[in-house]
Protein backbone atom coordinates (compact mmCIF):
# COMPACT_ATOMS: atom_id res chain seq x y z
CA UNK A 1 0.00 0.00 0.00
CA UNK A 2 2.83 2.41 0.85
CA UNK A 3 4.43 1.55 -2.46
CA UNK A 4 1.32 2.65 -4.39
CA UNK A 5 1.19 5.94 -2.49
CA UNK A 6 4.85 6.56 -3.25
CA UNK A 7 4.29 5.84 -6.94
CA UNK A 8 1.34 8.24 -7.06
CA UNK A 9 3.43 10.97 -5.44
CA UNK A 10 6.28 10.40 -7.89
CA UNK A 11 3.89 10.44 -10.83
CA UNK A 12 2.28 13.65 -9.57
CA UNK A 13 5.69 15.29 -9.14
CA UNK A 14 6.79 14.22 -12.63
CA UNK A 15 3.63 15.63 -14.22
CA UNK A 16 4.07 18.92 -12.37
CA UNK A 17 7.70 19.13 -13.46
CA UNK A 18 6.77 18.36 -17.07
CA UNK A 19 4.11 21.09 -17.08
CA UNK A 20 6.53 23.59 -15.57
CA UNK A 21 9.20 22.84 -18.18
CA UNK A 22 6.89 23.27 -21.21
CA UNK A 23 7.49 26.49 -23.08
CA UNK A 24 4.56 28.85 -22.75
CA UNK A 25 3.47 31.02 -25.65
CA UNK A 26 3.70 34.64 -24.55
CA UNK A 27 0.45 36.53 -24.31
CA UNK A 28 0.20 39.55 -26.57
CA UNK A 29 1.00 42.88 -25.00
CA UNK A 30 -1.59 45.64 -24.95
CA UNK A 31 0.27 47.35 -27.78
CA UNK A 32 0.06 44.20 -29.92
CA UNK A 33 -3.67 43.92 -29.24
CA UNK A 34 -4.21 47.52 -30.31
CA UNK A 35 -2.14 46.96 -33.46
CA UNK A 36 -4.70 44.52 -34.78
CA UNK A 37 -4.62 41.21 -32.94
CA UNK A 38 -6.23 39.85 -29.84
CA UNK A 39 -6.87 36.33 -28.61
CA UNK A 40 -10.06 35.90 -30.66
CA UNK A 41 -9.88 33.47 -33.56
CA UNK A 42 -12.13 32.68 -36.49
CA UNK A 43 -13.45 29.27 -37.52
CA UNK A 44 -10.07 28.48 -39.11
CA UNK A 45 -8.20 29.37 -35.89
CA UNK A 46 -6.70 32.51 -37.44
CA UNK A 47 -6.49 35.62 -35.28
CA UNK A 48 -9.28 38.07 -35.99
CA UNK A 49 -8.50 41.65 -36.90
CA UNK A 50 -9.09 44.00 -34.00
CA UNK A 51 -10.39 47.43 -35.01
CA UNK A 52 -9.69 50.15 -32.47
CA UNK A 53 -13.01 51.95 -32.98
CA UNK A 54 -16.50 50.93 -33.96
CA UNK A 55 -16.37 53.52 -36.73
CA UNK A 56 -13.23 51.93 -38.21
CA UNK A 57 -14.88 48.50 -38.13
CA UNK A 58 -18.02 49.88 -39.78
CA UNK A 59 -15.95 51.49 -42.54
CA UNK A 60 -14.22 48.17 -43.22
CA UNK A 61 -17.55 46.31 -43.21
CA UNK A 62 -18.99 48.80 -45.71
CA UNK A 63 -15.88 48.58 -47.88
CA UNK A 64 -16.06 44.78 -47.99
CA UNK A 65 -19.76 44.91 -48.80
CA UNK A 66 -19.19 47.40 -51.62
CA UNK A 67 -16.17 45.55 -53.03
CA UNK A 68 -17.07 41.90 -52.48
CA UNK A 69 -20.77 41.85 -51.62
CA UNK A 70 -20.02 40.31 -48.21
CA UNK A 71 -22.36 41.43 -45.44
CA UNK A 72 -20.52 41.70 -42.12
CA UNK A 73 -21.71 42.65 -38.65
CA UNK A 74 -19.61 44.71 -36.26
CA UNK A 75 -19.43 43.53 -32.65
CA UNK A 76 -17.30 44.40 -29.59
CA UNK A 77 -14.34 42.15 -28.81
CA UNK A 78 -15.17 40.06 -25.74
CA UNK A 79 -11.55 39.93 -24.51
CA UNK A 80 -10.11 43.37 -25.20
CA UNK A 81 -11.15 46.88 -26.08
CA UNK A 82 -11.83 46.89 -29.78
CA UNK A 83 -14.20 45.65 -32.45
CA UNK A 84 -14.45 42.66 -34.78
CA UNK A 85 -16.38 41.74 -37.91
CA UNK A 86 -18.41 38.58 -38.34
CA UNK A 87 -20.52 37.21 -41.15
CA UNK A 88 -24.13 38.22 -40.82
């Protein structure tokens, strides 16, 4: 019984050490978020463009509608201060 407890403790310690040694992807800085990326991704796991103002996002949505006929909806980013476009 003591042997099983010791094995569990060793396994737990090894898992913790493995997790601690894994390289962590750095989170974007506030400046990087403002420059056009946040943690939001689209259906293809690509980072969404972050527009700094609702007006800027609306202009882009109108441009894409005029140029490509794609109707997009502007919505606030749920993780940072900015705006995204999504298909409507």
